[in-house]
Each structure stands twice: as structure tokens, then as C-alpha cells.
Amino acid sequence: AMSLWPNKGDADPRPAQGSAYERVAAVAPRQPAVPEGAFGALRLPMLDVPVVPKKSAEA
């Protein structure tokens, strides 16, 4: 899994509390629970999910 908060000891890239919304990049874990190369391993960068066209209404 990835998070939007820093790993322990790293600088916090998030904007200050109370400031305007700002998108931040995901933070990869330093010690992932799932081994690299495993089926469920985190792979960065994340690929965009393709847009699925709506089905046409058939009468």
C-alpha cells in the first residue's frame, strides 16, 4: 500500500493544516509488507484507470 503521509523520519510534504487543498504525490513505503515482484506488490508510478464507455441502450 502507499500513503499520503511520510515514512518515519522523512520530511512531511503535506501543506500546513488550515491551508488550501493541494494535491501531493503518494509516498512509497521504505519497508513494504509485500515482497518486490509478488503478485500484490506496489508498482509505482500508478497507471491511470482507462475510461470505460457506457453501454448503449438497446430496445
PDB file of N, CA and C in Angstrom:
ATOM      1  N   ALA A   1       0.837  -1.180   0.000  1.00  0.00           N
ATOM      2  CA  ALA A   1       0.000   0.000   0.000  1.00  0.00           C
ATOM      3  C   ALA A   1       0.872   1.229   0.000  1.00  0.00           C
ATOM      4  N   MET A   2       0.307   2.313  -0.408  1.00  0.00           N
ATOM      5  CA  MET A   2       1.035   3.577  -0.356  1.00  0.00           C
ATOM      6  C   MET A   2       0.234   4.538   0.500  1.00  0.00           C
ATOM      7  N   SER A   3       0.853   5.620   0.878  1.00  0.00           N
ATOM      8  CA  SER A   3       0.165   6.575   1.734  1.00  0.00           C
ATOM      9  C   SER A   3       0.430   7.993   1.259  1.00  0.00           C
ATOM     10  N   LEU A   4      -0.247   8.939   1.868  1.00  0.00           N
ATOM     11  CA  LEU A   4      -0.028  10.347   1.564  1.00  0.00           C
ATOM     12  C   LEU A   4       0.653  11.044   2.730  1.00  0.00           C
ATOM     13  N   TRP A   5       1.178  10.262   3.676  1.00  0.00           N
ATOM     14  CA  TRP A   5       1.966  10.830   4.762  1.00  0.00           C
ATOM     15  C   TRP A   5       3.363  10.235   4.666  1.00  0.00           C
ATOM     16  N   PRO A   6       4.364  10.896   5.247  1.00  0.00           N
ATOM     17  CA  PRO A   6       5.751  10.462   5.069  1.00  0.00           C
ATOM     18  C   PRO A   6       6.116   9.223   5.878  1.00  0.00           C
ATOM     19  N   ASN A   7       7.194   8.564   5.459  1.00  0.00           N
ATOM     20  CA  ASN A   7       7.780   7.488   6.246  1.00  0.00           C
ATOM     21  C   ASN A   7       8.383   8.101   7.504  1.00  0.00           C
ATOM     22  N   LYS A   8       8.515   7.314   8.549  1.00  0.00           N
ATOM     23  CA  LYS A   8       9.067   7.796   9.812  1.00  0.00           C
ATOM     24  C   LYS A   8      10.456   8.401   9.576  1.00  0.00           C
ATOM     25  N   GLY A   9      10.640   9.639  10.040  1.00  0.00           N
ATOM     26  CA  GLY A   9      11.920  10.329   9.912  1.00  0.00           C
ATOM     27  C   GLY A   9      12.059  11.174   8.660  1.00  0.00           C
ATOM     28  N   ASP A  10      11.149  11.046   7.691  1.00  0.00           N
ATOM     29  CA  ASP A  10      11.205  11.843   6.463  1.00  0.00           C
ATOM     30  C   ASP A  10      10.476  13.167   6.652  1.00  0.00           C
ATOM     31  N   ALA A  11      10.806  14.142   5.801  1.00  0.00           N
ATOM     32  CA  ALA A  11      10.119  15.436   5.824  1.00  0.00           C
ATOM     33  C   ALA A  11       8.670  15.241   5.391  1.00  0.00           C
ATOM     34  N   ASP A  12       7.770  16.056   5.935  1.00  0.00           N
ATOM     35  CA  ASP A  12       6.343  15.963   5.627  1.00  0.00           C
ATOM     36  C   ASP A  12       6.008  16.902   4.470  1.00  0.00           C
ATOM     37  N   PRO A  13       5.669  16.360   3.271  1.00  0.00           N
ATOM     38  CA  PRO A  13       5.393  17.208   2.112  1.00  0.00           C
ATOM     39  C   PRO A  13       3.982  17.801   2.087  1.00  0.00           C
ATOM     40  N   ARG A  14       3.145  17.434   3.046  1.00  0.00           N
ATOM     41  CA  ARG A  14       1.758  17.909   3.032  1.00  0.00           C
ATOM     42  C   ARG A  14       1.686  19.393   3.380  1.00  0.00           C
ATOM     43  N   PRO A  15       0.684  20.119   2.848  1.00  0.00           N
ATOM     44  CA  PRO A  15       0.529  21.536   3.188  1.00  0.00           C
ATOM     45  C   PRO A  15       0.136  21.692   4.658  1.00  0.00           C
ATOM     46  N   ALA A  16       0.377  22.867   5.196  1.00  0.00           N
ATOM     47  CA  ALA A  16       0.062  23.141   6.602  1.00  0.00           C
ATOM     48  C   ALA A  16      -1.437  23.015   6.844  1.00  0.00           C
ATOM     49  N   GLN A  17      -1.798  22.571   8.043  1.00  0.00           N
ATOM     50  CA  GLN A  17      -3.204  22.417   8.391  1.00  0.00           C
ATOM     51  C   GLN A  17      -3.899  23.775   8.314  1.00  0.00           C
ATOM     52  N   GLY A  18      -5.081  23.808   7.710  1.00  0.00           N
ATOM     53  CA  GLY A  18      -5.844  25.039   7.569  1.00  0.00           C
ATOM     54  C   GLY A  18      -5.578  25.758   6.254  1.00  0.00           C
ATOM     55  N   SER A  19      -4.553  25.350   5.494  1.00  0.00           N
ATOM     56  CA  SER A  19      -4.275  25.995   4.213  1.00  0.00           C
ATOM     57  C   SER A  19      -5.130  25.361   3.119  1.00  0.00           C
ATOM     58  N   ALA A  20      -5.082  25.943   1.934  1.00  0.00           N
ATOM     59  CA  ALA A  20      -5.887  25.462   0.810  1.00  0.00           C
ATOM     60  C   ALA A  20      -5.473  24.049   0.405  1.00  0.00           C
ATOM     61  N   TYR A  21      -6.407  23.333  -0.231  1.00  0.00           N
ATOM     62  CA  TYR A  21      -6.135  21.968  -0.702  1.00  0.00           C
ATOM     63  C   TYR A  21      -5.003  21.985  -1.716  1.00  0.00           C
ATOM     64  N   GLU A  22      -4.142  21.018  -1.613  1.00  0.00           N
ATOM     65  CA  GLU A  22      -3.031  20.877  -2.553  1.00  0.00           C
ATOM     66  C   GLU A  22      -2.775  19.387  -2.749  1.00  0.00           C
ATOM     67  N   ARG A  23      -2.753  18.938  -4.000  1.00  0.00           N
ATOM     68  CA  ARG A  23      -2.517  17.520  -4.274  1.00  0.00           C
ATOM     69  C   ARG A  23      -1.047  17.207  -4.013  1.00  0.00           C
ATOM     70  N   VAL A  24      -0.784  16.112  -3.309  1.00  0.00           N
ATOM     71  CA  VAL A  24       0.594  15.689  -3.042  1.00  0.00           C
ATOM     72  C   VAL A  24       0.817  14.307  -3.649  1.00  0.00           C
ATOM     73  N   ALA A  25       2.058  14.013  -3.951  1.00  0.00           N
ATOM     74  CA  ALA A  25       2.397  12.716  -4.535  1.00  0.00           C
ATOM     75  C   ALA A  25       2.329  11.628  -3.468  1.00  0.00           C
ATOM     76  N   ALA A  26       2.025  10.419  -3.895  1.00  0.00           N
ATOM     77  CA  ALA A  26       1.998   9.278  -2.978  1.00  0.00           C
ATOM     78  C   ALA A  26       3.409   8.976  -2.492  1.00  0.00           C
ATOM     79  N   VAL A  27       3.507   8.428  -1.297  1.00  0.00           N
ATOM     80  CA  VAL A  27       4.800   8.089  -0.697  1.00  0.00           C
ATOM     81  C   VAL A  27       4.945   6.571  -0.680  1.00  0.00           C
ATOM     82  N   ALA A  28       5.980   6.083  -1.322  1.00  0.00           N
ATOM     83  CA  ALA A  28       6.231   4.636  -1.334  1.00  0.00           C
ATOM     84  C   ALA A  28       6.794   4.209   0.018  1.00  0.00           C
ATOM     85  N   PRO A  29       6.416   3.040   0.513  1.00  0.00           N
ATOM     86  CA  PRO A  29       6.927   2.578   1.802  1.00  0.00           C
ATOM     87  C   PRO A  29       8.412   2.220   1.722  1.00  0.00           C
ATOM     88  N   ARG A  30       9.128   2.479   2.805  1.00  0.00           N
ATOM     89  CA  ARG A  30      10.542   2.124   2.872  1.00  0.00           C
ATOM     90  C   ARG A  30      10.725   0.620   3.065  1.00  0.00           C
ATOM     91  N   GLN A  31       9.836   0.029   3.844  1.00  0.00           N
ATOM     92  CA  GLN A  31       9.880  -1.412   4.107  1.00  0.00           C
ATOM     93  C   GLN A  31       8.506  -2.009   3.805  1.00  0.00           C
ATOM     94  N   PRO A  32       8.217  -2.305   2.527  1.00  0.00           N
ATOM     95  CA  PRO A  32       6.890  -2.820   2.177  1.00  0.00           C
ATOM     96  C   PRO A  32       6.627  -4.188   2.802  1.00  0.00           C
ATOM     97  N   ALA A  33       5.375  -4.445   3.129  1.00  0.00           N
ATOM     98  CA  ALA A  33       4.985  -5.721   3.730  1.00  0.00           C
ATOM     99  C   ALA A  33       4.955  -6.839   2.694  1.00  0.00           C
ATOM    100  N   VAL A  34       4.707  -6.487   1.437  1.00  0.00           N
ATOM    101  CA  VAL A  34       4.646  -7.478   0.357  1.00  0.00           C
ATOM    102  C   VAL A  34       5.982  -7.454  -0.388  1.00  0.00           C
ATOM    103  N   PRO A  35       6.620  -8.592  -0.617  1.00  0.00           N
ATOM    104  CA  PRO A  35       7.914  -8.629  -1.296  1.00  0.00           C
ATOM    105  C   PRO A  35       7.840  -8.078  -2.719  1.00  0.00           C
ATOM    106  N   GLU A  36       8.928  -7.443  -3.163  1.00  0.00           N
ATOM    107  CA  GLU A  36       9.004  -6.921  -4.525  1.00  0.00           C
ATOM    108  C   GLU A  36       8.884  -8.080  -5.512  1.00  0.00           C
ATOM    109  N   GLY A  37       8.093  -7.908  -6.546  1.00  0.00           N
ATOM    110  CA  GLY A  37       7.899  -8.955  -7.540  1.00  0.00           C
ATOM    111  C   GLY A  37       6.708  -9.859  -7.255  1.00  0.00           C
ATOM    112  N   ALA A  38       6.124  -9.757  -6.058  1.00  0.00           N
ATOM    113  CA  ALA A  38       4.944 -10.559  -5.733  1.00  0.00           C
ATOM    114  C   ALA A  38       3.743 -10.037  -6.517  1.00  0.00           C
ATOM    115  N   PHE A  39       2.744 -10.889  -6.693  1.00  0.00           N
ATOM    116  CA  PHE A  39       1.548 -10.513  -7.451  1.00  0.00           C
ATOM    117  C   PHE A  39       0.913  -9.231  -6.905  1.00  0.00           C
ATOM    118  N   GLY A  40       0.838  -9.091  -5.594  1.00  0.00           N
ATOM    119  CA  GLY A  40       0.188  -7.935  -4.982  1.00  0.00           C
ATOM    120  C   GLY A  40       1.127  -6.801  -4.631  1.00  0.00           C
ATOM    121  N   ALA A  41       2.344  -6.794  -5.170  1.00  0.00           N
ATOM    122  CA  ALA A  41       3.330  -5.761  -4.840  1.00  0.00           C
ATOM    123  C   ALA A  41       2.917  -4.405  -5.401  1.00  0.00           C
ATOM    124  N   LEU A  42       3.323  -3.359  -4.706  1.00  0.00           N
ATOM    125  CA  LEU A  42       3.063  -1.992  -5.149  1.00  0.00           C
ATOM    126  C   LEU A  42       3.958  -1.677  -6.335  1.00  0.00           C
ATOM    127  N   ARG A  43       3.377  -1.177  -7.390  1.00  0.00           N
ATOM    128  CA  ARG A  43       4.155  -0.793  -8.564  1.00  0.00           C
ATOM    129  C   ARG A  43       3.918   0.679  -8.852  1.00  0.00           C
ATOM    130  N   LEU A  44       4.984   1.473  -8.713  1.00  0.00           N
ATOM    131  CA  LEU A  44       4.893   2.907  -8.979  1.00  0.00           C
ATOM    132  C   LEU A  44       5.644   3.210 -10.258  1.00  0.00           C
ATOM    133  N   PRO A  45       5.243   4.166 -11.066  1.00  0.00           N
ATOM    134  CA  PRO A  45       4.062   5.007 -10.864  1.00  0.00           C
ATOM    135  C   PRO A  45       2.785   4.231 -11.168  1.00  0.00           C
ATOM    136  N   MET A  46       1.720   4.658 -10.526  1.00  0.00           N
ATOM    137  CA  MET A  46       0.422   4.027 -10.741  1.00  0.00           C
ATOM    138  C   MET A  46      -0.075   4.407 -12.134  1.00  0.00           C
ATOM    139  N   LEU A  47      -0.634   3.451 -12.850  1.00  0.00           N
ATOM    140  CA  LEU A  47      -1.184   3.726 -14.172  1.00  0.00           C
ATOM    141  C   LEU A  47      -2.604   4.244 -14.031  1.00  0.00           C
ATOM    142  N   ASP A  48      -2.989   5.145 -14.933  1.00  0.00           N
ATOM    143  CA  ASP A  48      -4.351   5.667 -14.918  1.00  0.00           C
ATOM    144  C   ASP A  48      -5.336   4.558 -15.270  1.00  0.00           C
ATOM    145  N   VAL A  49      -6.506   4.630 -14.689  1.00  0.00           N
ATOM    146  CA  VAL A  49      -7.570   3.679 -14.996  1.00  0.00           C
ATOM    147  C   VAL A  49      -8.245   4.149 -16.275  1.00  0.00           C
ATOM    148  N   PRO A  50      -8.365   3.288 -17.285  1.00  0.00           N
ATOM    149  CA  PRO A  50      -8.976   3.726 -18.539  1.00  0.00           C
ATOM    150  C   PRO A  50     -10.465   4.014 -18.367  1.00  0.00           C
ATOM    151  N   VAL A  51     -10.956   4.936 -19.180  1.00  0.00           N
ATOM    152  CA  VAL A  51     -12.376   5.278 -19.157  1.00  0.00           C
ATOM    153  C   VAL A  51     -13.136   4.181 -19.894  1.00  0.00           C
ATOM    154  N   VAL A  52     -14.173   3.664 -19.269  1.00  0.00           N
ATOM    155  CA  VAL A  52     -14.991   2.617 -19.880  1.00  0.00           C
ATOM    156  C   VAL A  52     -16.237   3.278 -20.456  1.00  0.00           C
ATOM    157  N   PRO A  53     -16.479   3.119 -21.772  1.00  0.00           N
ATOM    158  CA  PRO A  53     -17.665   3.745 -22.362  1.00  0.00           C
ATOM    159  C   PRO A  53     -18.943   3.106 -21.828  1.00  0.00           C
ATOM    160  N   LYS A  54     -19.989   3.927 -21.719  1.00  0.00           N
ATOM    161  CA  LYS A  54     -21.282   3.424 -21.254  1.00  0.00           C
ATOM    162  C   LYS A  54     -21.900   2.546 -22.331  1.00  0.00           C
ATOM    163  N   LYS A  55     -22.655   1.536 -21.892  1.00  0.00           N
ATOM    164  CA  LYS A  55     -23.352   0.678 -22.846  1.00  0.00           C
ATOM    165  C   LYS A  55     -24.481   1.466 -23.489  1.00  0.00           C
ATOM    166  N   SER A  56     -24.698   1.216 -24.767  1.00  0.00           N
ATOM    167  CA  SER A  56     -25.809   1.888 -25.434  1.00  0.00           C
ATOM    168  C   SER A  56     -27.108   1.181 -25.057  1.00  0.00           C
ATOM    169  N   ALA A  57     -28.170   1.956 -24.973  1.00  0.00           N
ATOM    170  CA  ALA A  57     -29.477   1.389 -24.618  1.00  0.00           C
ATOM    171  C   ALA A  57     -30.030   0.640 -25.825  1.00  0.00           C
ATOM    172  N   GLU A  58     -30.323  -0.634 -25.634  1.00  0.00           N
ATOM    173  CA  GLU A  58     -30.886  -1.436 -26.722  1.00  0.00           C
ATOM    174  C   GLU A  58     -32.369  -1.642 -26.453  1.00  0.00           C
ATOM    175  N   ALA A  59     -33.196  -1.417 -27.478  1.00  0.00           N
ATOM    176  CA  ALA A  59     -34.649  -1.517 -27.313  1.00  0.00           C
ATOM    177  C   ALA A  59     -35.162  -2.885 -27.589  1.00  0.00           C
TER     178      ALA A  59
END
